[in-house]
Amino acid sequence: MVDLIGESSHNQIGNVSAEIHFFSWIVPTFKMLRKYRQVNFVGLSVNTAKKYVFSDLDVAYIFYNAFGRDNGFSIRKFKVGRSEIDKSILWQTFVCSRQGYRIFRGVNETNRKRTLKPETRCGCVAQMRVHIDVGRDWWYITLFQNEHNHELIPPTLSWMLKSERRITDEEIRRMNDMRDAGISTTQIYMHFAD
């Protein structure tokens, strides 16, 4: 059974008729989407991307994460716009994980105790911003940029991206049970590596 609800409709936005693709997931996963070949993330154009609307903010994050994975970059959440009345989220920006630059915190090479970690940010401008349509209760893409100033990784290595590394609740529970039983951390990691 597929928990994916995909609808294509024509809506009147201003004076322009636009085709809208609405996606909602009971279990939000893009493995189902790729399985049924409903979204081709490789080479997704700006105009095509702006046709997608989402049932909630988590689904929009999963969409951009899947887009990043298939195109060879990792993503992260960035800025949030909130309502001044009830502090609910009105818009959210997702960016390439290499967006911006490291913040200088007043510590230089002479007074550091540890060596500086390698610089990972390079000022990439790739991003996606979604806004909520309060009347329809869906999220739509208002800004979509896909210009990177760094090398993208091949699809065969996409599982190593930071936004792809996750531990499920079941795995956390199993790790805690193993630790409570006295199994060492090294052996727990070896168990999950197999």
Protein backbone atom coordinates (compact mmCIF):
# COMPACT_ATOMS: atom_id res chain seq x y z
CA MET A 1 0.00 0.00 0.00
CA VAL A 2 1.32 3.41 -0.93
CA ASP A 3 0.86 6.14 1.65
CA LEU A 4 1.64 8.81 -0.91
CA ILE A 5 -1.09 11.17 -1.97
CA GLY A 6 -0.17 12.89 -5.19
CA GLU A 7 -2.59 15.25 -6.86
CA SER A 8 -2.16 17.37 -9.89
CA SER A 9 -4.57 20.23 -10.30
CA HIS A 10 -4.82 23.54 -12.06
CA ASN A 11 -5.11 26.59 -9.83
CA GLN A 12 -5.57 30.22 -10.60
CA ILE A 13 -2.69 32.18 -9.03
CA GLY A 14 -3.21 35.85 -9.77
CA ASN A 15 -3.97 35.96 -13.48
CA VAL A 16 -1.77 32.97 -14.28
CA SER A 17 -3.07 29.43 -14.40
CA ALA A 18 -0.47 27.08 -12.91
CA GLU A 19 -0.26 23.34 -12.58
CA ILE A 20 0.23 22.35 -8.93
CA HIS A 21 1.61 19.04 -7.65
CA PHE A 22 0.50 18.45 -4.07
CA PHE A 23 2.32 15.86 -2.00
CA SER A 24 1.44 14.58 1.41
CA TRP A 25 2.88 11.61 3.24
CA ILE A 26 1.43 9.64 6.08
CA VAL A 27 4.91 8.15 6.47
CA PRO A 28 7.12 10.87 4.93
CA THR A 29 9.67 9.08 2.80
CA PHE A 30 10.97 9.77 -0.67
CA LYS A 31 12.00 6.16 -1.21
CA MET A 32 8.36 5.59 -2.14
CA LEU A 33 8.49 8.50 -4.54
CA ARG A 34 11.59 7.22 -6.29
CA LYS A 35 10.14 3.71 -6.34
CA TYR A 36 7.12 4.89 -8.26
CA ARG A 37 9.16 7.34 -10.36
CA GLN A 38 6.91 10.30 -9.69
CA VAL A 39 9.69 12.85 -9.19
CA ASN A 40 12.93 13.04 -11.15
CA PHE A 41 15.22 15.12 -8.93
CA VAL A 42 18.20 15.13 -11.28
CA GLY A 43 18.05 18.26 -13.39
CA LEU A 44 14.88 19.58 -11.73
CA SER A 45 14.34 23.08 -13.15
CA VAL A 46 13.31 26.12 -11.13
CA ASN A 47 9.92 26.36 -12.86
CA THR A 48 9.21 22.67 -12.31
CA ALA A 49 10.26 22.84 -8.65
CA LYS A 50 7.93 25.77 -7.98
CA LYS A 51 4.95 23.60 -9.02
CA TYR A 52 5.28 21.45 -5.90
CA VAL A 53 3.32 22.16 -2.75
CA PHE A 54 3.61 20.21 0.50
CA SER A 55 1.28 19.18 3.28
CA ASP A 56 3.69 20.34 6.00
CA LEU A 57 7.18 21.69 6.60
CA ASP A 58 8.73 18.26 7.26
CA VAL A 59 7.62 17.04 3.84
CA ALA A 60 9.23 20.11 2.24
CA TYR A 61 12.48 19.31 4.09
CA ILE A 62 12.35 15.69 2.92
CA PHE A 63 11.73 16.89 -0.65
CA TYR A 64 14.78 19.19 -0.65
CA ASN A 65 16.90 16.58 1.10
CA ALA A 66 16.02 14.03 -1.58
CA PHE A 67 16.79 16.64 -4.25
CA GLY A 68 20.16 17.32 -2.62
CA ARG A 69 20.99 13.64 -2.28
CA ASP A 70 20.25 12.90 -5.93
CA ASN A 71 22.23 15.96 -7.06
CA GLY A 72 25.26 15.42 -4.80
CA PHE A 73 25.01 17.90 -1.92
CA SER A 74 23.90 17.93 1.70
CA ILE A 75 21.33 20.36 3.09
CA ARG A 76 20.49 22.03 6.39
CA LYS A 77 17.74 24.21 7.81
CA PHE A 78 18.54 27.92 7.82
CA LYS A 79 16.34 30.93 8.52
CA VAL A 80 12.77 30.85 9.81
CA GLY A 81 10.12 33.55 9.65
CA ARG A 82 7.57 33.52 12.46
CA SER A 83 4.24 35.23 13.02
CA GLU A 84 4.39 38.04 15.56
CA ILE A 85 0.95 37.07 16.86
CA ASP A 86 1.22 33.36 17.67
CA LYS A 87 4.90 32.67 16.79
CA SER A 88 3.91 30.00 14.25
CA ILE A 89 6.30 29.41 11.34
CA LEU A 90 5.33 31.35 8.20
CA TRP A 91 8.37 30.52 6.05
CA GLN A 92 11.51 28.40 6.22
CA THR A 93 14.70 28.42 4.17
CA PHE A 94 16.69 25.25 3.46
CA VAL A 95 20.24 25.73 2.16
CA CYS A 96 23.20 23.74 0.91
CA SER A 97 25.31 22.70 3.90
CA ARG A 98 28.23 24.64 2.40
CA GLN A 99 26.28 27.93 2.42
CA GLY A 100 27.88 30.90 4.16
CA TYR A 101 31.23 31.05 5.92
CA ARG A 102 32.55 30.07 9.34
CA ILE A 103 31.75 32.60 12.05
CA PHE A 104 34.85 34.13 13.64
CA ARG A 105 34.54 33.66 17.41
CA GLY A 106 37.58 35.64 18.51
CA VAL A 107 39.92 32.66 18.78
CA ASN A 108 42.94 32.67 16.48
CA GLU A 109 45.72 30.14 15.83
CA THR A 110 47.94 31.38 18.67
CA ASN A 111 45.47 30.92 21.53
CA ARG A 112 43.76 27.70 20.38
CA LYS A 113 44.20 24.51 22.37
CA ARG A 114 43.07 22.23 19.55
CA THR A 115 43.77 22.43 15.85
CA LEU A 116 41.15 24.14 13.75
CA LYS A 117 38.71 21.86 11.93
CA PRO A 118 38.87 22.06 8.12
CA GLU A 119 36.72 24.76 6.53
CA THR A 120 33.61 23.21 4.99
CA ARG A 121 31.67 26.32 4.02
CA CYS A 122 32.42 28.15 0.82
CA GLY A 123 29.55 30.61 0.33
CA CYS A 124 27.31 28.39 -1.79
CA VAL A 125 24.03 30.09 -2.77
CA ALA A 126 21.85 27.01 -3.43
CA GLN A 127 18.64 27.24 -1.41
CA MET A 128 14.92 26.59 -1.29
CA ARG A 129 12.43 28.74 0.61
CA VAL A 130 8.88 27.62 1.37
CA HIS A 131 5.97 29.72 2.62
CA ILE A 132 2.69 28.60 4.11
CA ASP A 133 -0.57 29.31 2.35
CA VAL A 134 -2.76 29.72 5.44
CA GLY A 135 -6.04 29.55 3.51
CA ARG A 136 -5.21 26.22 1.89
CA ASP A 137 -2.95 24.95 4.70
CA TRP A 138 -0.10 23.92 2.42
CA TRP A 139 3.50 24.97 1.86
CA TYR A 140 4.68 26.24 -1.51
CA ILE A 141 8.13 27.06 -2.91
CA THR A 142 8.83 30.77 -3.29
CA LEU A 143 12.59 30.66 -3.93
CA PHE A 144 14.57 27.88 -5.57
CA GLN A 145 18.24 28.37 -6.50
CA ASN A 146 20.47 25.55 -7.65
CA GLU A 147 23.79 27.30 -8.33
CA HIS A 148 26.71 25.71 -6.49
CA ASN A 149 30.27 27.06 -6.33
CA HIS A 150 31.76 23.77 -5.17
CA GLU A 151 32.15 20.26 -6.48
CA LEU A 152 29.17 17.94 -6.08
CA ILE A 153 29.64 14.33 -5.05
CA PRO A 154 28.68 11.39 -7.29
CA PRO A 155 25.38 9.59 -6.55
CA THR A 156 27.23 6.46 -5.43
CA LEU A 157 28.58 8.35 -2.40
CA SER A 158 25.38 10.20 -1.48
CA TRP A 159 24.79 7.95 1.53
CA MET A 160 27.78 9.66 3.19
CA LEU A 161 26.21 13.13 3.16
CA LYS A 162 25.57 14.64 6.58
CA SER A 163 21.85 15.16 5.96
CA GLU A 164 21.53 11.47 5.04
CA ARG A 165 23.06 10.02 8.20
CA ARG A 166 20.22 9.12 10.50
CA ILE A 167 19.59 6.65 13.27
CA THR A 168 16.02 5.41 13.56
CA ASP A 169 14.17 5.29 16.88
CA GLU A 170 14.32 1.49 16.75
CA GLU A 171 18.11 1.56 16.35
CA ILE A 172 18.44 4.01 19.26
CA ARG A 173 16.33 1.73 21.43
CA ARG A 174 18.45 -1.29 20.47
CA MET A 175 21.67 0.63 21.20
CA ASN A 176 20.41 1.71 24.62
CA ASP A 177 19.35 -1.87 25.41
CA MET A 178 22.79 -3.15 24.37
CA ARG A 179 24.52 -0.50 26.49
CA ASP A 180 22.31 -1.33 29.48
CA ALA A 181 23.26 -4.99 29.04
CA GLY A 182 26.95 -4.04 29.39
CA ILE A 183 28.02 -4.28 25.75
CA SER A 184 30.85 -1.88 24.90
CA THR A 185 30.36 1.01 22.49
CA THR A 186 32.84 -0.50 20.01
CA GLN A 187 30.92 -3.78 19.90
CA ILE A 188 27.61 -1.93 19.47
CA TYR A 189 29.00 -0.03 16.47
CA MET A 190 30.43 -3.25 15.04
CA HIS A 191 26.99 -4.85 15.35
CA PHE A 192 25.37 -2.04 13.33
CA ALA A 193 28.18 -1.98 10.77
CA ASP A 194 27.42 -5.57 9.72
